[in-house]
Amino acid sequence: MRMWLLIILFSVISTSCNNNTLAERKIKKTVITFLDAVEKKDGNKYKSLIYESEVYPGVISMEKKFFYKNYKKINSDVNLKENIKIKDTIFNGAKRKYVQYRIKNNNADYFQKPLIITFIFYDQIGYDKIYNHSIFDNMLDWE
């Protein structure tokens, strides 16, 4: 009887770990695909990776242009593709995962607030879509 309980417990734990690893792989792939779209200035791919992007065309367009314009500068400070760190959070009562970058502006003419880039993922819509339509914080202060 104890042996069966141990086997069941072990299988539950290993399944949980496998699901978490699979989720992290999907998130990394989505972030890399998104950053590839920015590098190649592929607007259709960029929009397709954001959940309900058609509902927020103004925000998506503004942030896309900002990212296109500043990607090389941002990526020279932090290699975005190699520094993907996935964290857990609770937002509006639901468990979510996110990737966040903080990029300092080295230009002395601007405020020293960092540019914050955040990709939020929600398992209910799939880890192949970025859940938040606005990925930048401090964008206007940074440029």
C-alpha atoms as a PDB file:
ATOM      1  CA  MET A   1       0.000   0.000   0.000  1.00  0.00           C
ATOM      2  CA  ARG A   2       2.786   2.423   0.900  1.00  0.00           C
ATOM      3  CA  MET A   3       4.558   1.552  -2.301  1.00  0.00           C
ATOM      4  CA  TRP A   4       1.493   2.558  -4.340  1.00  0.00           C
ATOM      5  CA  LEU A   5       1.177   5.820  -2.457  1.00  0.00           C
ATOM      6  CA  LEU A   6       4.838   6.608  -3.135  1.00  0.00           C
ATOM      7  CA  ILE A   7       4.434   5.779  -6.822  1.00  0.00           C
ATOM      8  CA  ILE A   8       1.351   7.983  -7.117  1.00  0.00           C
ATOM      9  CA  LEU A   9       3.062  10.819  -5.229  1.00  0.00           C
ATOM     10  CA  PHE A  10       6.150  10.548  -7.415  1.00  0.00           C
ATOM     11  CA  SER A  11       4.091  10.567 -10.618  1.00  0.00           C
ATOM     12  CA  VAL A  12       2.127  13.646  -9.504  1.00  0.00           C
ATOM     13  CA  ILE A  13       5.339  15.511  -8.681  1.00  0.00           C
ATOM     14  CA  SER A  14       7.051  14.529 -11.921  1.00  0.00           C
ATOM     15  CA  THR A  15       3.978  15.510 -13.970  1.00  0.00           C
ATOM     16  CA  SER A  16       3.892  18.894 -12.242  1.00  0.00           C
ATOM     17  CA  CYS A  17       7.588  19.469 -12.953  1.00  0.00           C
ATOM     18  CA  ASN A  18       7.173  18.403 -16.589  1.00  0.00           C
ATOM     19  CA  ASN A  19       4.238  20.803 -17.064  1.00  0.00           C
ATOM     20  CA  ASN A  20       6.265  23.670 -15.609  1.00  0.00           C
ATOM     21  CA  THR A  21       9.253  22.847 -17.843  1.00  0.00           C
ATOM     22  CA  LEU A  22       7.000  22.620 -20.887  1.00  0.00           C
ATOM     23  CA  ALA A  23       5.398  25.977 -20.035  1.00  0.00           C
ATOM     24  CA  GLU A  24       8.810  27.605 -19.669  1.00  0.00           C
ATOM     25  CA  ARG A  25       9.959  26.212 -23.019  1.00  0.00           C
ATOM     26  CA  LYS A  26       6.833  27.580 -24.718  1.00  0.00           C
ATOM     27  CA  ILE A  27       7.275  30.986 -23.090  1.00  0.00           C
ATOM     28  CA  LYS A  28      10.933  31.191 -24.142  1.00  0.00           C
ATOM     29  CA  LYS A  29      10.018  30.224 -27.685  1.00  0.00           C
ATOM     30  CA  THR A  30       7.282  32.893 -27.791  1.00  0.00           C
ATOM     31  CA  VAL A  31       9.602  35.618 -26.467  1.00  0.00           C
ATOM     32  CA  ILE A  32      12.339  34.680 -28.946  1.00  0.00           C
ATOM     33  CA  THR A  33       9.831  34.604 -31.831  1.00  0.00           C
ATOM     34  CA  PHE A  34       8.524  38.001 -30.756  1.00  0.00           C
ATOM     35  CA  LEU A  35      12.039  39.472 -30.594  1.00  0.00           C
ATOM     36  CA  ASP A  36      12.809  37.957 -34.011  1.00  0.00           C
ATOM     37  CA  ALA A  37       9.724  39.758 -35.358  1.00  0.00           C
ATOM     38  CA  VAL A  38      11.056  43.012 -33.910  1.00  0.00           C
ATOM     39  CA  GLU A  39      14.514  42.439 -35.463  1.00  0.00           C
ATOM     40  CA  LYS A  40      12.989  41.689 -38.872  1.00  0.00           C
ATOM     41  CA  LYS A  41      10.363  44.438 -38.511  1.00  0.00           C
ATOM     42  CA  ASP A  42       7.650  41.884 -39.204  1.00  0.00           C
ATOM     43  CA  GLY A  43       4.532  43.732 -38.071  1.00  0.00           C
ATOM     44  CA  ASN A  44       2.127  40.886 -38.805  1.00  0.00           C
ATOM     45  CA  LYS A  45       4.126  38.402 -36.725  1.00  0.00           C
ATOM     46  CA  TYR A  46       4.529  41.012 -33.956  1.00  0.00           C
ATOM     47  CA  LYS A  47       0.757  41.532 -33.726  1.00  0.00           C
ATOM     48  CA  SER A  48      -0.040  37.813 -34.036  1.00  0.00           C
ATOM     49  CA  LEU A  49       1.901  37.048 -30.852  1.00  0.00           C
ATOM     50  CA  ILE A  50      -0.097  39.490 -28.699  1.00  0.00           C
ATOM     51  CA  TYR A  51      -3.459  38.288 -27.388  1.00  0.00           C
ATOM     52  CA  GLU A  52      -6.374  40.307 -28.821  1.00  0.00           C
ATOM     53  CA  SER A  53      -4.006  42.747 -30.554  1.00  0.00           C
ATOM     54  CA  GLU A  54      -6.818  43.806 -32.901  1.00  0.00           C
ATOM     55  CA  VAL A  55      -8.658  45.344 -29.924  1.00  0.00           C
ATOM     56  CA  TYR A  56      -5.769  47.746 -29.165  1.00  0.00           C
ATOM     57  CA  PRO A  57      -4.391  48.842 -32.572  1.00  0.00           C
ATOM     58  CA  GLY A  58      -3.177  52.259 -31.372  1.00  0.00           C
ATOM     59  CA  VAL A  59      -1.178  50.944 -28.423  1.00  0.00           C
ATOM     60  CA  ILE A  60       0.246  48.047 -30.434  1.00  0.00           C
ATOM     61  CA  SER A  61       1.267  50.340 -33.305  1.00  0.00           C
ATOM     62  CA  MET A  62       2.896  52.941 -31.032  1.00  0.00           C
ATOM     63  CA  GLU A  63       4.868  50.370 -29.049  1.00  0.00           C
ATOM     64  CA  LYS A  64       5.857  48.480 -32.195  1.00  0.00           C
ATOM     65  CA  LYS A  65       7.350  51.653 -33.734  1.00  0.00           C
ATOM     66  CA  PHE A  66       9.178  52.428 -30.481  1.00  0.00           C
ATOM     67  CA  PHE A  67      10.587  48.909 -30.306  1.00  0.00           C
ATOM     68  CA  TYR A  68      11.661  48.951 -33.975  1.00  0.00           C
ATOM     69  CA  LYS A  69      13.405  52.288 -33.480  1.00  0.00           C
ATOM     70  CA  ASN A  70      15.177  51.397 -30.218  1.00  0.00           C
ATOM     71  CA  TYR A  71      15.738  47.628 -30.459  1.00  0.00           C
ATOM     72  CA  LYS A  72      19.467  47.803 -31.218  1.00  0.00           C
ATOM     73  CA  LYS A  73      20.073  50.225 -28.351  1.00  0.00           C
ATOM     74  CA  ILE A  74      17.974  48.165 -25.932  1.00  0.00           C
ATOM     75  CA  ASN A  75      19.535  44.875 -27.009  1.00  0.00           C
ATOM     76  CA  SER A  76      23.080  46.287 -26.743  1.00  0.00           C
ATOM     77  CA  ASP A  77      22.544  46.889 -23.008  1.00  0.00           C
ATOM     78  CA  VAL A  78      20.867  43.551 -22.313  1.00  0.00           C
ATOM     79  CA  ASN A  79      20.862  40.619 -24.710  1.00  0.00           C
ATOM     80  CA  LEU A  80      17.123  40.052 -24.558  1.00  0.00           C
ATOM     81  CA  LYS A  81      17.108  36.578 -26.101  1.00  0.00           C
ATOM     82  CA  GLU A  82      19.762  35.221 -23.756  1.00  0.00           C
ATOM     83  CA  ASN A  83      18.384  36.788 -20.570  1.00  0.00           C
ATOM     84  CA  ILE A  84      14.903  35.302 -20.474  1.00  0.00           C
ATOM     85  CA  LYS A  85      13.999  34.741 -16.825  1.00  0.00           C
ATOM     86  CA  ILE A  86      10.502  33.434 -16.200  1.00  0.00           C
ATOM     87  CA  LYS A  87       8.823  34.292 -12.917  1.00  0.00           C
ATOM     88  CA  ASP A  88       5.450  33.539 -11.352  1.00  0.00           C
ATOM     89  CA  THR A  89       2.957  36.143 -10.202  1.00  0.00           C
ATOM     90  CA  ILE A  90      -0.685  36.489  -9.262  1.00  0.00           C
ATOM     91  CA  PHE A  91      -2.575  39.136 -11.214  1.00  0.00           C
ATOM     92  CA  ASN A  92      -6.308  39.763 -10.769  1.00  0.00           C
ATOM     93  CA  GLY A  93      -6.528  36.631  -8.662  1.00  0.00           C
ATOM     94  CA  ALA A  94      -5.080  34.334 -11.326  1.00  0.00           C
ATOM     95  CA  LYS A  95      -1.664  32.721 -11.455  1.00  0.00           C
ATOM     96  CA  ARG A  96       0.414  34.023 -14.370  1.00  0.00           C
ATOM     97  CA  LYS A  97       3.985  33.844 -15.601  1.00  0.00           C
ATOM     98  CA  TYR A  98       6.021  36.760 -16.837  1.00  0.00           C
ATOM     99  CA  VAL A  99       9.357  37.803 -18.323  1.00  0.00           C
ATOM    100  CA  GLN A 100      10.621  41.257 -17.431  1.00  0.00           C
ATOM    101  CA  TYR A 101      13.602  43.361 -18.440  1.00  0.00           C
ATOM    102  CA  ARG A 102      14.809  46.644 -16.930  1.00  0.00           C
ATOM    103  CA  ILE A 103      16.946  48.707 -19.294  1.00  0.00           C
ATOM    104  CA  LYS A 104      18.769  51.800 -18.046  1.00  0.00           C
ATOM    105  CA  ASN A 105      19.006  54.829 -20.287  1.00  0.00           C
ATOM    106  CA  ASN A 106      22.611  55.957 -20.452  1.00  0.00           C
ATOM    107  CA  ASN A 107      21.712  59.308 -22.009  1.00  0.00           C
ATOM    108  CA  ALA A 108      22.326  62.029 -19.399  1.00  0.00           C
ATOM    109  CA  ASP A 109      19.663  64.278 -20.973  1.00  0.00           C
ATOM    110  CA  TYR A 110      16.881  61.937 -19.903  1.00  0.00           C
ATOM    111  CA  PHE A 111      15.493  60.808 -16.588  1.00  0.00           C
ATOM    112  CA  GLN A 112      17.290  57.868 -15.099  1.00  0.00           C
ATOM    113  CA  LYS A 113      14.127  55.782 -14.936  1.00  0.00           C
ATOM    114  CA  PRO A 114      14.677  52.383 -16.490  1.00  0.00           C
ATOM    115  CA  LEU A 115      12.654  51.200 -19.439  1.00  0.00           C
ATOM    116  CA  ILE A 116      10.629  48.228 -18.236  1.00  0.00           C
ATOM    117  CA  ILE A 117       9.601  45.580 -20.757  1.00  0.00           C
ATOM    118  CA  THR A 118       7.159  42.987 -19.449  1.00  0.00           C
ATOM    119  CA  PHE A 119       5.657  39.980 -21.204  1.00  0.00           C
ATOM    120  CA  ILE A 120       2.814  38.374 -19.226  1.00  0.00           C
ATOM    121  CA  PHE A 121       1.608  34.859 -20.030  1.00  0.00           C
ATOM    122  CA  TYR A 122      -1.622  33.225 -18.939  1.00  0.00           C
ATOM    123  CA  ASP A 123      -2.109  29.487 -19.261  1.00  0.00           C
ATOM    124  CA  GLN A 124      -5.821  29.876 -20.084  1.00  0.00           C
ATOM    125  CA  ILE A 125      -4.979  31.491 -23.450  1.00  0.00           C
ATOM    126  CA  GLY A 126      -1.794  29.507 -24.033  1.00  0.00           C
ATOM    127  CA  TYR A 127       1.861  30.308 -23.599  1.00  0.00           C
ATOM    128  CA  ASP A 128       2.190  31.037 -27.316  1.00  0.00           C
ATOM    129  CA  LYS A 129       0.522  34.455 -26.858  1.00  0.00           C
ATOM    130  CA  ILE A 130       1.629  37.478 -24.845  1.00  0.00           C
ATOM    131  CA  TYR A 131      -1.311  38.318 -22.604  1.00  0.00           C
ATOM    132  CA  ASN A 132      -0.636  42.026 -21.973  1.00  0.00           C
ATOM    133  CA  HIS A 133      -1.240  44.364 -24.903  1.00  0.00           C
ATOM    134  CA  SER A 134       1.078  47.045 -23.502  1.00  0.00           C
ATOM    135  CA  ILE A 135       4.570  45.664 -22.919  1.00  0.00           C
ATOM    136  CA  PHE A 136       6.430  48.891 -22.079  1.00  0.00           C
ATOM    137  CA  ASP A 137       6.473  50.947 -18.902  1.00  0.00           C
ATOM    138  CA  ASN A 138       8.247  54.326 -18.812  1.00  0.00           C
ATOM    139  CA  MET A 139       8.456  54.323 -22.606  1.00  0.00           C
ATOM    140  CA  LEU A 140       7.769  58.049 -22.950  1.00  0.00           C
ATOM    141  CA  ASP A 141      10.204  58.965 -20.153  1.00  0.00           C
ATOM    142  CA  TRP A 142      12.932  56.791 -21.639  1.00  0.00           C
ATOM    143  CA  GLU A 143      13.079  58.061 -25.197  1.00  0.00           C
END
